[in-house]
Amino acid sequence: RCSRVIDAHSIQKNGTLSLIANNGHVYANSSNFGDI
């Protein structure tokens, strides 16, 4: 029955990430090839 796997937030989007966001953005660890 678990057919629709989603991008689940391990840190709440509403009520947590939104508390610190500026125009919907925060600073977080990059997984970009160039940055690494």
Full PDB file with SEQRES, HELIX, SHEET, SSBOND, CRYST1, ORIGX, SCALE, CONECT and MASTER records, all heavy atoms in Angstrom:
SEQRES   1 A   36  ARG CYS SER ARG VAL ILE ASP ALA HIS SER ILE GLN LYS          
SEQRES   2 A   36  ASN GLY THR LEU SER LEU ILE ALA ASN ASN GLY HIS VAL          
SEQRES   3 A   36  TYR ALA ASN SER SER ASN PHE GLY ASP ILE                      
HELIX    1 AA1 LYS A   13  LEU A   17  3                                   5    
HELIX    2 AA2 SER A   18  ILE A   20  1                                   3    
CRYST1    1.000    1.000    1.000  90.00  90.00  90.00 P 1           1          
ORIGX1      1.000000  0.000000  0.000000        0.00000                         
ORIGX2      0.000000  1.000000  0.000000        0.00000                         
ORIGX3      0.000000  0.000000  1.000000        0.00000                         
SCALE1      1.000000  0.000000  0.000000        0.00000                         
SCALE2      0.000000  1.000000  0.000000        0.00000                         
SCALE3      0.000000  0.000000  1.000000        0.00000                         
ATOM      1  N   ARG A   1       0.823  -1.210   0.000  1.00  0.00           N  
ATOM      2  CA  ARG A   1       0.000   0.000   0.000  1.00  0.00           C  
ATOM      3  C   ARG A   1       0.856   1.259   0.000  1.00  0.00           C  
ATOM      4  O   ARG A   1       0.371   2.343  -0.302  1.00  0.00           O  
ATOM      5  CB  ARG A   1      -0.902   0.018   1.237  1.00  0.00           C  
ATOM      6  CG  ARG A   1      -1.948  -1.093   1.254  1.00  0.00           C  
ATOM      7  CD  ARG A   1      -2.608  -1.168   2.613  1.00  0.00           C  
ATOM      8  NE  ARG A   1      -1.627  -1.499   3.662  1.00  0.00           N  
ATOM      9  CZ  ARG A   1      -1.893  -1.441   4.959  1.00  0.00           C  
ATOM     10  NH1 ARG A   1      -3.077  -1.026   5.377  1.00  0.00           N  
ATOM     11  NH2 ARG A   1      -0.967  -1.771   5.841  1.00  0.00           N  
ATOM     12  N   CYS A   2       2.122   1.127   0.351  1.00  0.00           N  
ATOM     13  CA  CYS A   2       3.006   2.290   0.425  1.00  0.00           C  
ATOM     14  C   CYS A   2       3.566   2.594  -0.964  1.00  0.00           C  
ATOM     15  O   CYS A   2       4.755   2.416  -1.228  1.00  0.00           O  
ATOM     16  CB  CYS A   2       4.134   2.038   1.415  1.00  0.00           C  
ATOM     17  SG  CYS A   2       3.565   1.642   3.082  1.00  0.00           S  
ATOM     18  N   SER A   3       2.693   3.013  -1.862  1.00  0.00           N  
ATOM     19  CA  SER A   3       3.096   3.198  -3.250  1.00  0.00           C  
ATOM     20  C   SER A   3       3.636   4.587  -3.531  1.00  0.00           C  
ATOM     21  O   SER A   3       4.438   4.775  -4.440  1.00  0.00           O  
ATOM     22  CB  SER A   3       1.896   2.931  -4.175  1.00  0.00           C  
ATOM     23  OG  SER A   3       0.801   3.766  -3.814  1.00  0.00           O  
ATOM     24  N   ARG A   4       3.235   5.579  -2.751  1.00  0.00           N  
ATOM     25  CA  ARG A   4       3.665   6.945  -3.024  1.00  0.00           C  
ATOM     26  C   ARG A   4       4.629   7.425  -1.946  1.00  0.00           C  
ATOM     27  O   ARG A   4       4.247   8.033  -0.956  1.00  0.00           O  
ATOM     28  CB  ARG A   4       2.458   7.882  -3.099  1.00  0.00           C  
ATOM     29  CG  ARG A   4       2.866   9.258  -3.627  1.00  0.00           C  
ATOM     30  CD  ARG A   4       1.718  10.222  -3.699  1.00  0.00           C  
ATOM     31  NE  ARG A   4       2.209  11.539  -4.106  1.00  0.00           N  
ATOM     32  CZ  ARG A   4       1.653  12.675  -3.765  1.00  0.00           C  
ATOM     33  NH1 ARG A   4       0.591  12.683  -2.998  1.00  0.00           N  
ATOM     34  NH2 ARG A   4       2.143  13.816  -4.175  1.00  0.00           N  
ATOM     35  N   VAL A   5       5.912   7.119  -2.161  1.00  0.00           N  
ATOM     36  CA  VAL A   5       6.954   7.579  -1.237  1.00  0.00           C  
ATOM     37  C   VAL A   5       7.224   9.051  -1.520  1.00  0.00           C  
ATOM     38  O   VAL A   5       7.325   9.465  -2.676  1.00  0.00           O  
ATOM     39  CB  VAL A   5       8.236   6.750  -1.403  1.00  0.00           C  
ATOM     40  CG1 VAL A   5       9.348   7.302  -0.534  1.00  0.00           C  
ATOM     41  CG2 VAL A   5       7.959   5.291  -1.054  1.00  0.00           C  
ATOM     42  N   ILE A   6       7.348   9.832  -0.474  1.00  0.00           N  
ATOM     43  CA  ILE A   6       7.480  11.279  -0.632  1.00  0.00           C  
ATOM     44  C   ILE A   6       8.828  11.767  -0.096  1.00  0.00           C  
ATOM     45  O   ILE A   6       9.564  11.021   0.550  1.00  0.00           O  
ATOM     46  CB  ILE A   6       6.348  12.024   0.107  1.00  0.00           C  
ATOM     47  CG1 ILE A   6       6.425  11.748   1.617  1.00  0.00           C  
ATOM     48  CG2 ILE A   6       4.996  11.639  -0.458  1.00  0.00           C  
ATOM     49  CD1 ILE A   6       5.503  12.624   2.449  1.00  0.00           C  
ATOM     50  N   ASP A   7       9.129  13.033  -0.391  1.00  0.00           N  
ATOM     51  CA  ASP A   7      10.279  13.695   0.210  1.00  0.00           C  
ATOM     52  C   ASP A   7       9.863  14.179   1.591  1.00  0.00           C  
ATOM     53  O   ASP A   7       9.374  15.302   1.752  1.00  0.00           O  
ATOM     54  CB  ASP A   7      10.739  14.875  -0.650  1.00  0.00           C  
ATOM     55  CG  ASP A   7      11.336  14.440  -1.974  1.00  0.00           C  
ATOM     56  OD1 ASP A   7      12.115  13.476  -1.960  1.00  0.00           O  
ATOM     57  OD2 ASP A   7      11.010  15.045  -3.005  1.00  0.00           O  
ATOM     58  N   ALA A   8      10.048  13.312   2.580  1.00  0.00           N  
ATOM     59  CA  ALA A   8       9.619  13.636   3.944  1.00  0.00           C  
ATOM     60  C   ALA A   8      10.673  14.512   4.616  1.00  0.00           C  
ATOM     61  O   ALA A   8      11.870  14.268   4.497  1.00  0.00           O  
ATOM     62  CB  ALA A   8       9.421  12.351   4.746  1.00  0.00           C  
ATOM     63  N   HIS A   9      10.216  15.534   5.322  1.00  0.00           N  
ATOM     64  CA  HIS A   9      11.127  16.409   6.045  1.00  0.00           C  
ATOM     65  C   HIS A   9      11.501  15.786   7.388  1.00  0.00           C  
ATOM     66  O   HIS A   9      10.625  15.441   8.185  1.00  0.00           O  
ATOM     67  CB  HIS A   9      10.486  17.772   6.280  1.00  0.00           C  
ATOM     68  CG  HIS A   9      10.612  18.705   5.111  1.00  0.00           C  
ATOM     69  ND1 HIS A   9       9.738  18.678   4.060  1.00  0.00           N  
ATOM     70  CD2 HIS A   9      11.530  19.668   4.831  1.00  0.00           C  
ATOM     71  CE1 HIS A   9      10.086  19.606   3.173  1.00  0.00           C  
ATOM     72  NE2 HIS A   9      11.175  20.214   3.611  1.00  0.00           N  
ATOM     73  N   SER A  10      12.799  15.641   7.636  1.00  0.00           N  
ATOM     74  CA  SER A  10      13.232  15.173   8.951  1.00  0.00           C  
ATOM     75  C   SER A  10      13.292  16.327   9.948  1.00  0.00           C  
ATOM     76  O   SER A  10      13.298  16.113  11.159  1.00  0.00           O  
ATOM     77  CB  SER A  10      14.603  14.496   8.855  1.00  0.00           C  
ATOM     78  OG  SER A  10      15.543  15.341   8.226  1.00  0.00           O  
ATOM     79  N   ILE A  11      13.371  17.551   9.425  1.00  0.00           N  
ATOM     80  CA  ILE A  11      13.154  18.762  10.215  1.00  0.00           C  
ATOM     81  C   ILE A  11      11.891  19.393   9.650  1.00  0.00           C  
ATOM     82  O   ILE A  11      11.792  19.622   8.439  1.00  0.00           O  
ATOM     83  CB  ILE A  11      14.327  19.747  10.081  1.00  0.00           C  
ATOM     84  CG1 ILE A  11      15.641  19.095  10.504  1.00  0.00           C  
ATOM     85  CG2 ILE A  11      14.075  21.004  10.922  1.00  0.00           C  
ATOM     86  CD1 ILE A  11      16.869  19.956  10.240  1.00  0.00           C  
ATOM     87  N   GLN A  12      10.913  19.638  10.499  1.00  0.00           N  
ATOM     88  CA  GLN A  12       9.627  20.122  10.015  1.00  0.00           C  
ATOM     89  C   GLN A  12       9.783  21.351   9.124  1.00  0.00           C  
ATOM     90  O   GLN A  12      10.521  22.280   9.451  1.00  0.00           O  
ATOM     91  CB  GLN A  12       8.728  20.489  11.196  1.00  0.00           C  
ATOM     92  CG  GLN A  12       8.414  19.344  12.129  1.00  0.00           C  
ATOM     93  CD  GLN A  12       7.834  19.829  13.450  1.00  0.00           C  
ATOM     94  OE1 GLN A  12       7.762  21.018  13.707  1.00  0.00           O  
ATOM     95  NE2 GLN A  12       7.414  18.902  14.277  1.00  0.00           N  
ATOM     96  N   LYS A  13       9.084  21.335   8.006  1.00  0.00           N  
ATOM     97  CA  LYS A  13       9.103  22.493   7.114  1.00  0.00           C  
ATOM     98  C   LYS A  13       8.290  23.634   7.716  1.00  0.00           C  
ATOM     99  O   LYS A  13       8.786  24.759   7.849  1.00  0.00           O  
ATOM    100  CB  LYS A  13       8.551  22.107   5.742  1.00  0.00           C  
ATOM    101  CG  LYS A  13       8.488  23.272   4.766  1.00  0.00           C  
ATOM    102  CD  LYS A  13       7.890  22.832   3.434  1.00  0.00           C  
ATOM    103  CE  LYS A  13       7.724  24.008   2.490  1.00  0.00           C  
ATOM    104  NZ  LYS A  13       7.095  23.610   1.210  1.00  0.00           N  
ATOM    105  N   ASN A  14       7.054  23.343   8.065  1.00  0.00           N  
ATOM    106  CA  ASN A  14       6.192  24.349   8.677  1.00  0.00           C  
ATOM    107  C   ASN A  14       6.402  24.330  10.191  1.00  0.00           C  
ATOM    108  O   ASN A  14       6.347  23.289  10.816  1.00  0.00           O  
ATOM    109  CB  ASN A  14       4.727  24.079   8.347  1.00  0.00           C  
ATOM    110  CG  ASN A  14       4.447  24.151   6.860  1.00  0.00           C  
ATOM    111  OD1 ASN A  14       4.974  25.019   6.177  1.00  0.00           O  
ATOM    112  ND2 ASN A  14       3.631  23.228   6.358  1.00  0.00           N  
ATOM    113  N   GLY A  15       6.646  25.458  10.757  1.00  0.00           N  
ATOM    114  CA  GLY A  15       6.807  25.530  12.200  1.00  0.00           C  
ATOM    115  C   GLY A  15       8.226  25.384  12.674  1.00  0.00           C  
ATOM    116  O   GLY A  15       8.528  25.644  13.833  1.00  0.00           O  
ATOM    117  N   THR A  16       9.149  24.953  11.790  1.00  0.00           N  
ATOM    118  CA  THR A  16      10.555  24.847  12.181  1.00  0.00           C  
ATOM    119  C   THR A  16      11.444  25.519  11.136  1.00  0.00           C  
ATOM    120  O   THR A  16      11.996  26.588  11.379  1.00  0.00           O  
ATOM    121  CB  THR A  16      10.965  23.380  12.385  1.00  0.00           C  
ATOM    122  OG1 THR A  16      10.180  22.818  13.456  1.00  0.00           O  
ATOM    123  CG2 THR A  16      12.421  23.271  12.770  1.00  0.00           C  
ATOM    124  N   LEU A  17      11.579  24.923   9.933  1.00  0.00           N  
ATOM    125  CA  LEU A  17      12.374  25.560   8.898  1.00  0.00           C  
ATOM    126  C   LEU A  17      11.828  26.938   8.547  1.00  0.00           C  
ATOM    127  O   LEU A  17      12.586  27.889   8.323  1.00  0.00           O  
ATOM    128  CB  LEU A  17      12.426  24.678   7.652  1.00  0.00           C  
ATOM    129  CG  LEU A  17      13.312  23.424   7.752  1.00  0.00           C  
ATOM    130  CD1 LEU A  17      13.081  22.509   6.554  1.00  0.00           C  
ATOM    131  CD2 LEU A  17      14.783  23.804   7.853  1.00  0.00           C  
ATOM    132  N   SER A  18      10.497  27.043   8.527  1.00  0.00           N  
ATOM    133  CA  SER A  18       9.883  28.338   8.192  1.00  0.00           C  
ATOM    134  C   SER A  18      10.164  29.397   9.248  1.00  0.00           C  
ATOM    135  O   SER A  18      10.127  30.596   8.962  1.00  0.00           O  
ATOM    136  CB  SER A  18       8.376  28.168   8.004  1.00  0.00           C  
ATOM    137  OG  SER A  18       7.776  27.661   9.186  1.00  0.00           O  
ATOM    138  N   LEU A  19      10.488  28.956  10.478  1.00  0.00           N  
ATOM    139  CA  LEU A  19      10.784  29.906  11.551  1.00  0.00           C  
ATOM    140  C   LEU A  19      12.070  30.678  11.285  1.00  0.00           C  
ATOM    141  O   LEU A  19      12.214  31.822  11.716  1.00  0.00           O  
ATOM    142  CB  LEU A  19      10.922  29.175  12.889  1.00  0.00           C  
ATOM    143  CG  LEU A  19       9.653  28.724  13.603  1.00  0.00           C  
ATOM    144  CD1 LEU A  19      10.022  27.929  14.842  1.00  0.00           C  
ATOM    145  CD2 LEU A  19       8.789  29.922  13.974  1.00  0.00           C  
ATOM    146  N   ILE A  20      13.012  30.053  10.598  1.00  0.00           N  
ATOM    147  CA  ILE A  20      14.319  30.681  10.401  1.00  0.00           C  
ATOM    148  C   ILE A  20      14.555  31.108   8.958  1.00  0.00           C  
ATOM    149  O   ILE A  20      15.574  31.738   8.658  1.00  0.00           O  
ATOM    150  CB  ILE A  20      15.457  29.736  10.842  1.00  0.00           C  
ATOM    151  CG1 ILE A  20      15.512  28.499   9.945  1.00  0.00           C  
ATOM    152  CG2 ILE A  20      15.299  29.337  12.305  1.00  0.00           C  
ATOM    153  CD1 ILE A  20      16.773  27.680  10.112  1.00  0.00           C  
ATOM    154  N   ALA A  21      13.644  30.762   8.043  1.00  0.00           N  
ATOM    155  CA  ALA A  21      13.863  31.024   6.623  1.00  0.00           C  
ATOM    156  C   ALA A  21      13.770  32.508   6.297  1.00  0.00           C  
ATOM    157  O   ALA A  21      13.029  33.264   6.933  1.00  0.00           O  
ATOM    158  CB  ALA A  21      12.863  30.235   5.787  1.00  0.00           C  
ATOM    159  N   ASN A  22      14.517  32.911   5.288  1.00  0.00           N  
ATOM    160  CA  ASN A  22      14.437  34.253   4.724  1.00  0.00           C  
ATOM    161  C   ASN A  22      14.082  34.098   3.249  1.00  0.00           C  
ATOM    162  O   ASN A  22      14.876  33.572   2.471  1.00  0.00           O  
ATOM    163  CB  ASN A  22      15.770  34.984   4.887  1.00  0.00           C  
ATOM    164  CG  ASN A  22      15.730  36.392   4.336  1.00  0.00           C  
ATOM    165  OD1 ASN A  22      14.670  37.002   4.226  1.00  0.00           O  
ATOM    166  ND2 ASN A  22      16.891  36.923   3.968  1.00  0.00           N  
ATOM    167  N   ASN A  23      12.874  34.535   2.885  1.00  0.00           N  
ATOM    168  CA  ASN A  23      12.379  34.345   1.514  1.00  0.00           C  
ATOM    169  C   ASN A  23      12.447  32.880   1.095  1.00  0.00           C  
ATOM    170  O   ASN A  23      12.805  32.546  -0.038  1.00  0.00           O  
ATOM    171  CB  ASN A  23      13.184  35.204   0.528  1.00  0.00           C  
ATOM    172  CG  ASN A  23      12.990  36.686   0.753  1.00  0.00           C  
ATOM    173  OD1 ASN A  23      11.884  37.135   1.089  1.00  0.00           O  
ATOM    174  ND2 ASN A  23      14.042  37.466   0.573  1.00  0.00           N  
ATOM    175  N   GLY A  24      12.098  31.997   2.060  1.00  0.00           N  
ATOM    176  CA  GLY A  24      12.048  30.565   1.762  1.00  0.00           C  
ATOM    177  C   GLY A  24      13.389  29.879   1.688  1.00  0.00           C  
ATOM    178  O   GLY A  24      13.470  28.745   1.204  1.00  0.00           O  
ATOM    179  N   HIS A  25      14.463  30.522   2.182  1.00  0.00           N  
ATOM    180  CA  HIS A  25      15.797  29.935   2.090  1.00  0.00           C  
ATOM    181  C   HIS A  25      16.496  29.925   3.450  1.00  0.00           C  
ATOM    182  O   HIS A  25      16.254  30.799   4.290  1.00  0.00           O  
ATOM    183  CB  HIS A  25      16.663  30.693   1.083  1.00  0.00           C  
ATOM    184  CG  HIS A  25      16.278  30.460  -0.342  1.00  0.00           C  
ATOM    185  ND1 HIS A  25      15.170  31.059  -0.923  1.00  0.00           N  
ATOM    186  CD2 HIS A  25      16.849  29.688  -1.317  1.00  0.00           C  
ATOM    187  CE1 HIS A  25      15.081  30.668  -2.185  1.00  0.00           C  
ATOM    188  NE2 HIS A  25      16.079  29.834  -2.443  1.00  0.00           N  
ATOM    189  N   VAL A  26      17.353  28.928   3.623  1.00  0.00           N  
ATOM    190  CA  VAL A  26      18.195  28.797   4.821  1.00  0.00           C  
ATOM    191  C   VAL A  26      19.586  28.390   4.365  1.00  0.00           C  
ATOM    192  O   VAL A  26      19.798  28.039   3.204  1.00  0.00           O  
ATOM    193  CB  VAL A  26      17.637  27.738   5.784  1.00  0.00           C  
ATOM    194  CG1 VAL A  26      16.271  28.128   6.322  1.00  0.00           C  
ATOM    195  CG2 VAL A  26      17.558  26.352   5.090  1.00  0.00           C  
ATOM    196  N   TYR A  27      20.533  28.432   5.281  1.00  0.00           N  
ATOM    197  CA  TYR A  27      21.862  27.883   5.004  1.00  0.00           C  
ATOM    198  C   TYR A  27      21.917  26.444   5.501  1.00  0.00           C  
ATOM    199  O   TYR A  27      21.494  26.152   6.635  1.00  0.00           O  
ATOM    200  CB  TYR A  27      22.946  28.713   5.680  1.00  0.00           C  
ATOM    201  CG  TYR A  27      23.361  29.924   4.882  1.00  0.00           C  
ATOM    202  CD1 TYR A  27      22.727  31.149   5.073  1.00  0.00           C  
ATOM    203  CD2 TYR A  27      24.364  29.838   3.921  1.00  0.00           C  
ATOM    204  CE1 TYR A  27      23.096  32.270   4.337  1.00  0.00           C  
ATOM    205  CE2 TYR A  27      24.749  30.954   3.181  1.00  0.00           C  
ATOM    206  CZ  TYR A  27      24.110  32.161   3.387  1.00  0.00           C  
ATOM    207  OH  TYR A  27      24.478  33.253   2.652  1.00  0.00           O  
ATOM    208  N   ALA A  28      22.421  25.543   4.652  1.00  0.00           N  
ATOM    209  CA  ALA A  28      22.533  24.131   5.021  1.00  0.00           C  
ATOM    210  C   ALA A  28      23.762  23.528   4.336  1.00  0.00           C  
ATOM    211  O   ALA A  28      24.332  24.128   3.414  1.00  0.00           O  
ATOM    212  CB  ALA A  28      21.270  23.371   4.622  1.00  0.00           C  
ATOM    213  N   ASN A  29      24.146  22.354   4.783  1.00  0.00           N  
ATOM    214  CA  ASN A  29      25.310  21.658   4.243  1.00  0.00           C  
ATOM    215  C   ASN A  29      25.097  21.330   2.765  1.00  0.00           C  
ATOM    216  O   ASN A  29      24.081  20.756   2.390  1.00  0.00           O  
ATOM    217  CB  ASN A  29      25.552  20.377   5.041  1.00  0.00           C  
ATOM    218  CG  ASN A  29      26.845  19.681   4.654  1.00  0.00           C  
ATOM    219  OD1 ASN A  29      27.681  20.247   3.968  1.00  0.00           O  
ATOM    220  ND2 ASN A  29      26.999  18.445   5.089  1.00  0.00           N  
ATOM    221  N   SER A  30      26.060  21.681   1.938  1.00  0.00           N  
ATOM    222  CA  SER A  30      25.927  21.472   0.498  1.00  0.00           C  
ATOM    223  C   SER A  30      26.351  20.061   0.098  1.00  0.00           C  
ATOM    224  O   SER A  30      27.325  19.517   0.626  1.00  0.00           O  
ATOM    225  CB  SER A  30      26.788  22.492  -0.259  1.00  0.00           C  
ATOM    226  OG  SER A  30      26.776  22.231  -1.649  1.00  0.00           O  
ATOM    227  N   SER A  31      25.617  19.492  -0.861  1.00  0.00           N  
ATOM    228  CA  SER A  31      26.009  18.206  -1.451  1.00  0.00           C  
ATOM    229  C   SER A  31      26.429  18.398  -2.901  1.00  0.00           C  
ATOM    230  O   SER A  31      26.544  17.438  -3.658  1.00  0.00           O  
ATOM    231  CB  SER A  31      24.847  17.208  -1.377  1.00  0.00           C  
ATOM    232  OG  SER A  31      23.696  17.718  -2.058  1.00  0.00           O  
ATOM    233  N   ASN A  32      26.679  19.658  -3.293  1.00  0.00           N  
ATOM    234  CA  ASN A  32      27.105  19.977  -4.645  1.00  0.00           C  
ATOM    235  C   ASN A  32      28.527  19.475  -4.905  1.00  0.00           C  
ATOM    236  O   ASN A  32      29.413  19.600  -4.057  1.00  0.00           O  
ATOM    237  CB  ASN A  32      27.031  21.496  -4.848  1.00  0.00           C  
ATOM    238  CG  ASN A  32      27.535  21.934  -6.218  1.00  0.00           C  
ATOM    239  OD1 ASN A  32      28.713  22.203  -6.380  1.00  0.00           O  
ATOM    240  ND2 ASN A  32      26.645  21.996  -7.177  1.00  0.00           N  
ATOM    241  N   PHE A  33      28.750  18.925  -6.094  1.00  0.00           N  
ATOM    242  CA  PHE A  33      30.051  18.346  -6.442  1.00  0.00           C  
ATOM    243  C   PHE A  33      31.179  19.350  -6.276  1.00  0.00           C  
ATOM    244  O   PHE A  33      32.218  19.062  -5.671  1.00  0.00           O  
ATOM    245  CB  PHE A  33      30.022  17.820  -7.881  1.00  0.00           C  
ATOM    246  CG  PHE A  33      31.353  17.381  -8.408  1.00  0.00           C  
ATOM    247  CD1 PHE A  33      31.877  16.149  -8.063  1.00  0.00           C  
ATOM    248  CD2 PHE A  33      32.105  18.211  -9.238  1.00  0.00           C  
ATOM    249  CE1 PHE A  33      33.115  15.741  -8.537  1.00  0.00           C  
ATOM    250  CE2 PHE A  33      33.340  17.810  -9.715  1.00  0.00           C  
ATOM    251  CZ  PHE A  33      33.834  16.575  -9.371  1.00  0.00           C  
ATOM    252  N   GLY A  34      30.989  20.550  -6.818  1.00  0.00           N  
ATOM    253  CA  GLY A  34      32.031  21.559  -6.744  1.00  0.00           C  
ATOM    254  C   GLY A  34      32.352  21.969  -5.323  1.00  0.00           C  
ATOM    255  O   GLY A  34      33.529  22.148  -4.958  1.00  0.00           O  
ATOM    256  N   ASP A  35      31.325  22.108  -4.489  1.00  0.00           N  
ATOM    257  CA  ASP A  35      31.537  22.498  -3.091  1.00  0.00           C  
ATOM    258  C   ASP A  35      32.315  21.425  -2.331  1.00  0.00           C  
ATOM    259  O   ASP A  35      33.214  21.725  -1.544  1.00  0.00           O  
ATOM    260  CB  ASP A  35      30.198  22.758  -2.399  1.00  0.00           C  
ATOM    261  CG  ASP A  35      29.487  23.984  -2.949  1.00  0.00           C  
ATOM    262  OD1 ASP A  35      30.181  24.903  -3.420  1.00  0.00           O  
ATOM    263  OD2 ASP A  35      28.239  24.015  -2.915  1.00  0.00           O  
ATOM    264  N   ILE A  36      31.953  20.161  -2.557  1.00  0.00           N  
ATOM    265  CA  ILE A  36      32.629  19.058  -1.873  1.00  0.00           C  
ATOM    266  C   ILE A  36      34.085  18.957  -2.303  1.00  0.00           C  
ATOM    267  O   ILE A  36      34.981  18.741  -1.483  1.00  0.00           O  
ATOM    268  CB  ILE A  36      31.884  17.730  -2.132  1.00  0.00           C  
ATOM    269  CG1 ILE A  36      30.505  17.757  -1.460  1.00  0.00           C  
ATOM    270  CG2 ILE A  36      32.697  16.540  -1.633  1.00  0.00           C  
ATOM    271  CD1 ILE A  36      29.652  16.561  -1.775  1.00  0.00           C  
TER     272      ILE A  36                                                      
MASTER        0    0    0    2    0    0    0    6  271    1    0    3          
END                                                                             
